[in-house]
Amino acid sequence: MSKNLSVRPSSILREQGGSVESQVCYFTSRIKRLTEHLDLHGRDYSSQRGLWKIAGKRKRLLIYLFKKDRLRYKNLIGQLDIRGPR
């Protein structure tokens, strides 16, 4: 794991630690770290389960943001370069 995986867009303020955008950003960075870990250790099933739980939390937050404010949702998806939930 030689890459720097900090996913902190400059437009997401650190003062808004509890905002939906900051939580999704935090979960995205954790998902990327766990994905790289699982590339090396494919049979680490407890990490797989943790990844599924984090991905589910992020999905629920994205659905919530989509229902509340679609403009913020589209901006966040574009900044993090992830696709939205189906």
PDB file of N, CA and C in Angstrom:
ATOM      1  N   MET A   1       0.834  -1.167   0.000  1.00  0.00           N
ATOM      2  CA  MET A   1       0.000   0.000   0.000  1.00  0.00           C
ATOM      3  C   MET A   1       0.887   1.241   0.000  1.00  0.00           C
ATOM      4  N   SER A   2       1.379   1.567  -1.147  1.00  0.00           N
ATOM      5  CA  SER A   2       2.286   2.691  -1.238  1.00  0.00           C
ATOM      6  C   SER A   2       1.591   3.986  -1.624  1.00  0.00           C
ATOM      7  N   LYS A   3       0.335   3.909  -2.017  1.00  0.00           N
ATOM      8  CA  LYS A   3      -0.372   5.104  -2.448  1.00  0.00           C
ATOM      9  C   LYS A   3      -0.905   5.876  -1.258  1.00  0.00           C
ATOM     10  N   ASN A   4      -1.005   7.183  -1.428  1.00  0.00           N
ATOM     11  CA  ASN A   4      -1.647   8.008  -0.430  1.00  0.00           C
ATOM     12  C   ASN A   4      -3.135   8.035  -0.750  1.00  0.00           C
ATOM     13  N   LEU A   5      -3.965   7.546   0.142  1.00  0.00           N
ATOM     14  CA  LEU A   5      -5.376   7.358  -0.155  1.00  0.00           C
ATOM     15  C   LEU A   5      -6.268   8.389   0.518  1.00  0.00           C
ATOM     16  N   SER A   6      -5.749   9.558   0.783  1.00  0.00           N
ATOM     17  CA  SER A   6      -6.600  10.548   1.428  1.00  0.00           C
ATOM     18  C   SER A   6      -7.579  11.114   0.412  1.00  0.00           C
ATOM     19  N   VAL A   7      -8.838  10.921   0.675  1.00  0.00           N
ATOM     20  CA  VAL A   7      -9.888  11.419  -0.209  1.00  0.00           C
ATOM     21  C   VAL A   7     -10.549  12.565   0.523  1.00  0.00           C
ATOM     22  N   ARG A   8      -9.993  13.735   0.448  1.00  0.00           N
ATOM     23  CA  ARG A   8     -10.523  14.917   1.106  1.00  0.00           C
ATOM     24  C   ARG A   8     -10.600  16.053   0.103  1.00  0.00           C
ATOM     25  N   PRO A   9     -11.694  16.163  -0.620  1.00  0.00           N
ATOM     26  CA  PRO A   9     -11.815  17.300  -1.527  1.00  0.00           C
ATOM     27  C   PRO A   9     -11.792  18.603  -0.755  1.00  0.00           C
ATOM     28  N   SER A  10     -11.206  19.611  -1.363  1.00  0.00           N
ATOM     29  CA  SER A  10     -11.034  20.877  -0.670  1.00  0.00           C
ATOM     30  C   SER A  10     -12.354  21.586  -0.413  1.00  0.00           C
ATOM     31  N   SER A  11     -13.370  21.274  -1.196  1.00  0.00           N
ATOM     32  CA  SER A  11     -14.643  21.966  -1.002  1.00  0.00           C
ATOM     33  C   SER A  11     -15.442  21.412   0.174  1.00  0.00           C
ATOM     34  N   ILE A  12     -15.093  20.225   0.670  1.00  0.00           N
ATOM     35  CA  ILE A  12     -15.762  19.685   1.856  1.00  0.00           C
ATOM     36  C   ILE A  12     -14.997  20.197   3.069  1.00  0.00           C
ATOM     37  N   LEU A  13     -15.642  21.035   3.834  1.00  0.00           N
ATOM     38  CA  LEU A  13     -14.978  21.673   4.965  1.00  0.00           C
ATOM     39  C   LEU A  13     -14.763  20.690   6.100  1.00  0.00           C
ATOM     40  N   ARG A  14     -13.645  20.836   6.789  1.00  0.00           N
ATOM     41  CA  ARG A  14     -13.373  19.962   7.925  1.00  0.00           C
ATOM     42  C   ARG A  14     -14.243  20.321   9.119  1.00  0.00           C
ATOM     43  N   GLU A  15     -14.754  21.545   9.139  1.00  0.00           N
ATOM     44  CA  GLU A  15     -15.597  21.957  10.255  1.00  0.00           C
ATOM     45  C   GLU A  15     -16.926  21.230  10.239  1.00  0.00           C
ATOM     46  N   GLN A  16     -17.334  20.720   9.094  1.00  0.00           N
ATOM     47  CA  GLN A  16     -18.596  20.013   8.976  1.00  0.00           C
ATOM     48  C   GLN A  16     -18.353  18.511   9.122  1.00  0.00           C
ATOM     49  N   GLY A  17     -17.898  18.097  10.263  1.00  0.00           N
ATOM     50  CA  GLY A  17     -17.536  16.709  10.468  1.00  0.00           C
ATOM     51  C   GLY A  17     -18.696  15.753  10.432  1.00  0.00           C
ATOM     52  N   GLY A  18     -19.898  16.218  10.750  1.00  0.00           N
ATOM     53  CA  GLY A  18     -21.043  15.334  10.776  1.00  0.00           C
ATOM     54  C   GLY A  18     -21.910  15.420   9.544  1.00  0.00           C
ATOM     55  N   SER A  19     -21.523  16.234   8.586  1.00  0.00           N
ATOM     56  CA  SER A  19     -22.358  16.384   7.402  1.00  0.00           C
ATOM     57  C   SER A  19     -22.336  15.100   6.576  1.00  0.00           C
ATOM     58  N   VAL A  20     -23.340  14.942   5.761  1.00  0.00           N
ATOM     59  CA  VAL A  20     -23.452  13.744   4.933  1.00  0.00           C
ATOM     60  C   VAL A  20     -22.253  13.651   3.987  1.00  0.00           C
ATOM     61  N   GLU A  21     -21.839  14.793   3.431  1.00  0.00           N
ATOM     62  CA  GLU A  21     -20.716  14.782   2.496  1.00  0.00           C
ATOM     63  C   GLU A  21     -19.428  14.307   3.151  1.00  0.00           C
ATOM     64  N   SER A  22     -19.160  14.789   4.365  1.00  0.00           N
ATOM     65  CA  SER A  22     -17.929  14.379   5.033  1.00  0.00           C
ATOM     66  C   SER A  22     -17.975  12.908   5.422  1.00  0.00           C
ATOM     67  N   GLN A  23     -19.155  12.412   5.815  1.00  0.00           N
ATOM     68  CA  GLN A  23     -19.268  11.001   6.161  1.00  0.00           C
ATOM     69  C   GLN A  23     -19.059  10.117   4.937  1.00  0.00           C
ATOM     70  N   VAL A  24     -19.650  10.501   3.811  1.00  0.00           N
ATOM     71  CA  VAL A  24     -19.472   9.724   2.583  1.00  0.00           C
ATOM     72  C   VAL A  24     -18.012   9.766   2.149  1.00  0.00           C
ATOM     73  N   CYS A  25     -17.371  10.905   2.307  1.00  0.00           N
ATOM     74  CA  CYS A  25     -15.957  11.032   1.962  1.00  0.00           C
ATOM     75  C   CYS A  25     -15.105  10.107   2.834  1.00  0.00           C
ATOM     76  N   TYR A  26     -15.402  10.074   4.127  1.00  0.00           N
ATOM     77  CA  TYR A  26     -14.675   9.212   5.052  1.00  0.00           C
ATOM     78  C   TYR A  26     -14.885   7.733   4.712  1.00  0.00           C
ATOM     79  N   PHE A  27     -16.131   7.350   4.449  1.00  0.00           N
ATOM     80  CA  PHE A  27     -16.406   5.958   4.099  1.00  0.00           C
ATOM     81  C   PHE A  27     -15.738   5.575   2.782  1.00  0.00           C
ATOM     82  N   THR A  28     -15.674   6.503   1.826  1.00  0.00           N
ATOM     83  CA  THR A  28     -15.025   6.224   0.548  1.00  0.00           C
ATOM     84  C   THR A  28     -13.540   5.954   0.736  1.00  0.00           C
ATOM     85  N   SER A  29     -12.890   6.739   1.586  1.00  0.00           N
ATOM     86  CA  SER A  29     -11.459   6.493   1.818  1.00  0.00           C
ATOM     87  C   SER A  29     -11.245   5.153   2.511  1.00  0.00           C
ATOM     88  N   ARG A  30     -12.125   4.788   3.443  1.00  0.00           N
ATOM     89  CA  ARG A  30     -12.002   3.488   4.104  1.00  0.00           C
ATOM     90  C   ARG A  30     -12.253   2.350   3.133  1.00  0.00           C
ATOM     91  N   ILE A  31     -13.213   2.526   2.228  1.00  0.00           N
ATOM     92  CA  ILE A  31     -13.504   1.499   1.234  1.00  0.00           C
ATOM     93  C   ILE A  31     -12.309   1.294   0.318  1.00  0.00           C
ATOM     94  N   LYS A  32     -11.651   2.377  -0.081  1.00  0.00           N
ATOM     95  CA  LYS A  32     -10.483   2.250  -0.955  1.00  0.00           C
ATOM     96  C   LYS A  32      -9.332   1.539  -0.244  1.00  0.00           C
ATOM     97  N   ARG A  33      -9.125   1.876   1.044  1.00  0.00           N
ATOM     98  CA  ARG A  33      -8.066   1.195   1.799  1.00  0.00           C
ATOM     99  C   ARG A  33      -8.357  -0.286   1.958  1.00  0.00           C
ATOM    100  N   LEU A  34      -9.599  -0.628   2.299  1.00  0.00           N
ATOM    101  CA  LEU A  34      -9.951  -2.035   2.476  1.00  0.00           C
ATOM    102  C   LEU A  34      -9.888  -2.799   1.159  1.00  0.00           C
ATOM    103  N   THR A  35     -10.227  -2.147   0.064  1.00  0.00           N
ATOM    104  CA  THR A  35     -10.156  -2.808  -1.237  1.00  0.00           C
ATOM    105  C   THR A  35      -8.717  -3.146  -1.583  1.00  0.00           C
ATOM    106  N   GLU A  36      -7.798  -2.232  -1.318  1.00  0.00           N
ATOM    107  CA  GLU A  36      -6.385  -2.532  -1.563  1.00  0.00           C
ATOM    108  C   GLU A  36      -5.889  -3.636  -0.645  1.00  0.00           C
ATOM    109  N   HIS A  37      -6.350  -3.626   0.610  1.00  0.00           N
ATOM    110  CA  HIS A  37      -5.957  -4.683   1.539  1.00  0.00           C
ATOM    111  C   HIS A  37      -6.445  -6.044   1.047  1.00  0.00           C
ATOM    112  N   LEU A  38      -7.677  -6.077   0.538  1.00  0.00           N
ATOM    113  CA  LEU A  38      -8.241  -7.345   0.087  1.00  0.00           C
ATOM    114  C   LEU A  38      -7.625  -7.812  -1.224  1.00  0.00           C
ATOM    115  N   ASP A  39      -7.018  -6.905  -2.000  1.00  0.00           N
ATOM    116  CA  ASP A  39      -6.274  -7.329  -3.178  1.00  0.00           C
ATOM    117  C   ASP A  39      -5.064  -8.170  -2.768  1.00  0.00           C
ATOM    118  N   LEU A  40      -4.461  -7.813  -1.642  1.00  0.00           N
ATOM    119  CA  LEU A  40      -3.299  -8.565  -1.149  1.00  0.00           C
ATOM    120  C   LEU A  40      -3.704  -9.796  -0.346  1.00  0.00           C
ATOM    121  N   HIS A  41      -4.775  -9.674   0.412  1.00  0.00           N
ATOM    122  CA  HIS A  41      -5.204 -10.734   1.324  1.00  0.00           C
ATOM    123  C   HIS A  41      -6.635 -11.125   0.975  1.00  0.00           C
ATOM    124  N   GLY A  42      -6.788 -11.917  -0.052  1.00  0.00           N
ATOM    125  CA  GLY A  42      -8.105 -12.242  -0.580  1.00  0.00           C
ATOM    126  C   GLY A  42      -8.965 -13.086   0.332  1.00  0.00           C
ATOM    127  N   ARG A  43      -8.373 -13.817   1.255  1.00  0.00           N
ATOM    128  CA  ARG A  43      -9.150 -14.708   2.115  1.00  0.00           C
ATOM    129  C   ARG A  43      -9.407 -14.120   3.494  1.00  0.00           C
ATOM    130  N   ASP A  44      -9.246 -12.830   3.631  1.00  0.00           N
ATOM    131  CA  ASP A  44      -9.512 -12.148   4.898  1.00  0.00           C
ATOM    132  C   ASP A  44     -11.003 -11.821   4.955  1.00  0.00           C
ATOM    133  N   TYR A  45     -11.776 -12.768   5.444  1.00  0.00           N
ATOM    134  CA  TYR A  45     -13.217 -12.657   5.377  1.00  0.00           C
ATOM    135  C   TYR A  45     -13.788 -11.645   6.358  1.00  0.00           C
ATOM    136  N   SER A  46     -13.106 -11.422   7.466  1.00  0.00           N
ATOM    137  CA  SER A  46     -13.608 -10.412   8.399  1.00  0.00           C
ATOM    138  C   SER A  46     -13.456  -9.012   7.810  1.00  0.00           C
ATOM    139  N   SER A  47     -12.401  -8.787   7.051  1.00  0.00           N
ATOM    140  CA  SER A  47     -12.257  -7.500   6.374  1.00  0.00           C
ATOM    141  C   SER A  47     -13.282  -7.359   5.258  1.00  0.00           C
ATOM    142  N   GLN A  48     -13.611  -8.461   4.592  1.00  0.00           N
ATOM    143  CA  GLN A  48     -14.656  -8.416   3.571  1.00  0.00           C
ATOM    144  C   GLN A  48     -15.988  -8.015   4.179  1.00  0.00           C
ATOM    145  N   ARG A  49     -16.289  -8.572   5.335  1.00  0.00           N
ATOM    146  CA  ARG A  49     -17.553  -8.250   5.995  1.00  0.00           C
ATOM    147  C   ARG A  49     -17.575  -6.785   6.400  1.00  0.00           C
ATOM    148  N   GLY A  50     -16.456  -6.291   6.909  1.00  0.00           N
ATOM    149  CA  GLY A  50     -16.369  -4.877   7.257  1.00  0.00           C
ATOM    150  C   GLY A  50     -16.554  -3.982   6.043  1.00  0.00           C
ATOM    151  N   LEU A  51     -15.985  -4.403   4.922  1.00  0.00           N
ATOM    152  CA  LEU A  51     -16.138  -3.638   3.683  1.00  0.00           C
ATOM    153  C   LEU A  51     -17.596  -3.586   3.249  1.00  0.00           C
ATOM    154  N   TRP A  52     -18.288  -4.703   3.347  1.00  0.00           N
ATOM    155  CA  TRP A  52     -19.708  -4.739   2.975  1.00  0.00           C
ATOM    156  C   TRP A  52     -20.539  -3.824   3.869  1.00  0.00           C
ATOM    157  N   LYS A  53     -20.222  -3.815   5.184  1.00  0.00           N
ATOM    158  CA  LYS A  53     -20.972  -2.972   6.106  1.00  0.00           C
ATOM    159  C   LYS A  53     -20.735  -1.494   5.808  1.00  0.00           C
ATOM    160  N   ILE A  54     -19.491  -1.124   5.543  1.00  0.00           N
ATOM    161  CA  ILE A  54     -19.178   0.270   5.239  1.00  0.00           C
ATOM    162  C   ILE A  54     -19.815   0.685   3.921  1.00  0.00           C
ATOM    163  N   ALA A  55     -19.782  -0.197   2.932  1.00  0.00           N
ATOM    164  CA  ALA A  55     -20.395   0.116   1.645  1.00  0.00           C
ATOM    165  C   ALA A  55     -21.907   0.292   1.798  1.00  0.00           C
ATOM    166  N   GLY A  56     -22.523  -0.492   2.658  1.00  0.00           N
ATOM    167  CA  GLY A  56     -23.956  -0.352   2.903  1.00  0.00           C
ATOM    168  C   GLY A  56     -24.297   0.967   3.583  1.00  0.00           C
ATOM    169  N   LYS A  57     -23.469   1.373   4.543  1.00  0.00           N
ATOM    170  CA  LYS A  57     -23.692   2.656   5.209  1.00  0.00           C
ATOM    171  C   LYS A  57     -23.567   3.802   4.214  1.00  0.00           C
ATOM    172  N   ARG A  58     -22.530   3.733   3.368  1.00  0.00           N
ATOM    173  CA  ARG A  58     -22.334   4.788   2.375  1.00  0.00           C
ATOM    174  C   ARG A  58     -23.510   4.824   1.397  1.00  0.00           C
ATOM    175  N   LYS A  59     -24.000   3.662   1.017  1.00  0.00           N
ATOM    176  CA  LYS A  59     -25.129   3.597   0.094  1.00  0.00           C
ATOM    177  C   LYS A  59     -26.371   4.237   0.703  1.00  0.00           C
ATOM    178  N   ARG A  60     -26.632   3.952   1.972  1.00  0.00           N
ATOM    179  CA  ARG A  60     -27.797   4.538   2.634  1.00  0.00           C
ATOM    180  C   ARG A  60     -27.673   6.058   2.746  1.00  0.00           C
ATOM    181  N   LEU A  61     -26.460   6.539   3.034  1.00  0.00           N
ATOM    182  CA  LEU A  61     -26.255   7.989   3.101  1.00  0.00           C
ATOM    183  C   LEU A  61     -26.449   8.637   1.736  1.00  0.00           C
ATOM    184  N   LEU A  62     -25.980   7.990   0.681  1.00  0.00           N
ATOM    185  CA  LEU A  62     -26.146   8.542  -0.659  1.00  0.00           C
ATOM    186  C   LEU A  62     -27.616   8.565  -1.073  1.00  0.00           C
ATOM    187  N   ILE A  63     -28.363   7.544  -0.702  1.00  0.00           N
ATOM    188  CA  ILE A  63     -29.799   7.528  -1.003  1.00  0.00           C
ATOM    189  C   ILE A  63     -30.502   8.656  -0.257  1.00  0.00           C
ATOM    190  N   TYR A  64     -30.125   8.863   0.998  1.00  0.00           N
ATOM    191  CA  TYR A  64     -30.702   9.950   1.783  1.00  0.00           C
ATOM    192  C   TYR A  64     -30.410  11.297   1.129  1.00  0.00           C
ATOM    193  N   LEU A  65     -29.161  11.511   0.726  1.00  0.00           N
ATOM    194  CA  LEU A  65     -28.782  12.780   0.113  1.00  0.00           C
ATOM    195  C   LEU A  65     -29.489  12.958  -1.225  1.00  0.00           C
ATOM    196  N   PHE A  66     -29.671  11.885  -1.970  1.00  0.00           N
ATOM    197  CA  PHE A  66     -30.371  11.957  -3.249  1.00  0.00           C
ATOM    198  C   PHE A  66     -31.820  12.410  -3.047  1.00  0.00           C
ATOM    199  N   LYS A  67     -32.454  11.908  -2.002  1.00  0.00           N
ATOM    200  CA  LYS A  67     -33.844  12.283  -1.740  1.00  0.00           C
ATOM    201  C   LYS A  67     -33.973  13.714  -1.226  1.00  0.00           C
ATOM    202  N   LYS A  68     -32.994  14.180  -0.442  1.00  0.00           N
ATOM    203  CA  LYS A  68     -33.075  15.499   0.164  1.00  0.00           C
ATOM    204  C   LYS A  68     -32.639  16.618  -0.775  1.00  0.00           C
ATOM    205  N   ASP A  69     -31.482  16.452  -1.424  1.00  0.00           N
ATOM    206  CA  ASP A  69     -30.931  17.541  -2.228  1.00  0.00           C
ATOM    207  C   ASP A  69     -30.119  16.950  -3.374  1.00  0.00           C
ATOM    208  N   ARG A  70     -30.710  16.905  -4.550  1.00  0.00           N
ATOM    209  CA  ARG A  70     -30.059  16.259  -5.690  1.00  0.00           C
ATOM    210  C   ARG A  70     -28.850  17.024  -6.189  1.00  0.00           C
ATOM    211  N   LEU A  71     -28.818  18.335  -6.019  1.00  0.00           N
ATOM    212  CA  LEU A  71     -27.667  19.116  -6.458  1.00  0.00           C
ATOM    213  C   LEU A  71     -26.436  18.769  -5.627  1.00  0.00           C
ATOM    214  N   ARG A  72     -26.597  18.710  -4.301  1.00  0.00           N
ATOM    215  CA  ARG A  72     -25.470  18.309  -3.430  1.00  0.00           C
ATOM    216  C   ARG A  72     -25.032  16.887  -3.744  1.00  0.00           C
ATOM    217  N   TYR A  73     -25.991  16.015  -4.034  1.00  0.00           N
ATOM    218  CA  TYR A  73     -25.691  14.619  -4.378  1.00  0.00           C
ATOM    219  C   TYR A  73     -24.834  14.547  -5.640  1.00  0.00           C
ATOM    220  N   LYS A  74     -25.246  15.262  -6.680  1.00  0.00           N
ATOM    221  CA  LYS A  74     -24.494  15.218  -7.939  1.00  0.00           C
ATOM    222  C   LYS A  74     -23.106  15.819  -7.789  1.00  0.00           C
ATOM    223  N   ASN A  75     -22.982  16.886  -6.998  1.00  0.00           N
ATOM    224  CA  ASN A  75     -21.667  17.479  -6.752  1.00  0.00           C
ATOM    225  C   ASN A  75     -20.753  16.500  -6.017  1.00  0.00           C
ATOM    226  N   LEU A  76     -21.300  15.824  -5.026  1.00  0.00           N
ATOM    227  CA  LEU A  76     -20.499  14.877  -4.243  1.00  0.00           C
ATOM    228  C   LEU A  76     -20.050  13.693  -5.094  1.00  0.00           C
ATOM    229  N   ILE A  77     -20.956  13.154  -5.890  1.00  0.00           N
ATOM    230  CA  ILE A  77     -20.621  12.027  -6.758  1.00  0.00           C
ATOM    231  C   ILE A  77     -19.521  12.435  -7.740  1.00  0.00           C
ATOM    232  N   GLY A  78     -19.616  13.650  -8.257  1.00  0.00           N
ATOM    233  CA  GLY A  78     -18.607  14.118  -9.205  1.00  0.00           C
ATOM    234  C   GLY A  78     -17.255  14.343  -8.541  1.00  0.00           C
ATOM    235  N   GLN A  79     -17.240  14.885  -7.327  1.00  0.00           N
ATOM    236  CA  GLN A  79     -15.986  15.138  -6.628  1.00  0.00           C
ATOM    237  C   GLN A  79     -15.272  13.853  -6.250  1.00  0.00           C
ATOM    238  N   LEU A  80     -16.016  12.876  -5.763  1.00  0.00           N
ATOM    239  CA  LEU A  80     -15.401  11.631  -5.298  1.00  0.00           C
ATOM    240  C   LEU A  80     -15.173  10.637  -6.415  1.00  0.00           C
ATOM    241  N   ASP A  81     -15.726  10.908  -7.583  1.00  0.00           N
ATOM    242  CA  ASP A  81     -15.582  10.040  -8.751  1.00  0.00           C
ATOM    243  C   ASP A  81     -16.088   8.621  -8.435  1.00  0.00           C
ATOM    244  N   ILE A  82     -17.301   8.579  -7.884  1.00  0.00           N
ATOM    245  CA  ILE A  82     -17.951   7.296  -7.627  1.00  0.00           C
ATOM    246  C   ILE A  82     -19.295   7.331  -8.319  1.00  0.00           C
ATOM    247  N   ARG A  83     -19.835   6.171  -8.552  1.00  0.00           N
ATOM    248  CA  ARG A  83     -21.171   6.141  -9.145  1.00  0.00           C
ATOM    249  C   ARG A  83     -22.179   5.999  -8.023  1.00  0.00           C
ATOM    250  N   GLY A  84     -23.365   6.487  -8.265  1.00  0.00           N
ATOM    251  CA  GLY A  84     -24.401   6.467  -7.263  1.00  0.00           C
ATOM    252  C   GLY A  84     -25.015   5.092  -7.092  1.00  0.00           C
ATOM    253  N   PRO A  85     -25.814   4.941  -6.058  1.00  0.00           N
ATOM    254  CA  PRO A  85     -26.501   3.653  -5.866  1.00  0.00           C
ATOM    255  C   PRO A  85     -27.522   3.429  -6.962  1.00  0.00           C
ATOM    256  N   ARG A  86     -27.808   2.182  -7.231  1.00  0.00           N
ATOM    257  CA  ARG A  86     -28.725   1.834  -8.331  1.00  0.00           C
ATOM    258  C   ARG A  86     -30.160   2.029  -7.961  1.00  0.00           C
TER     259      ARG A  86
END
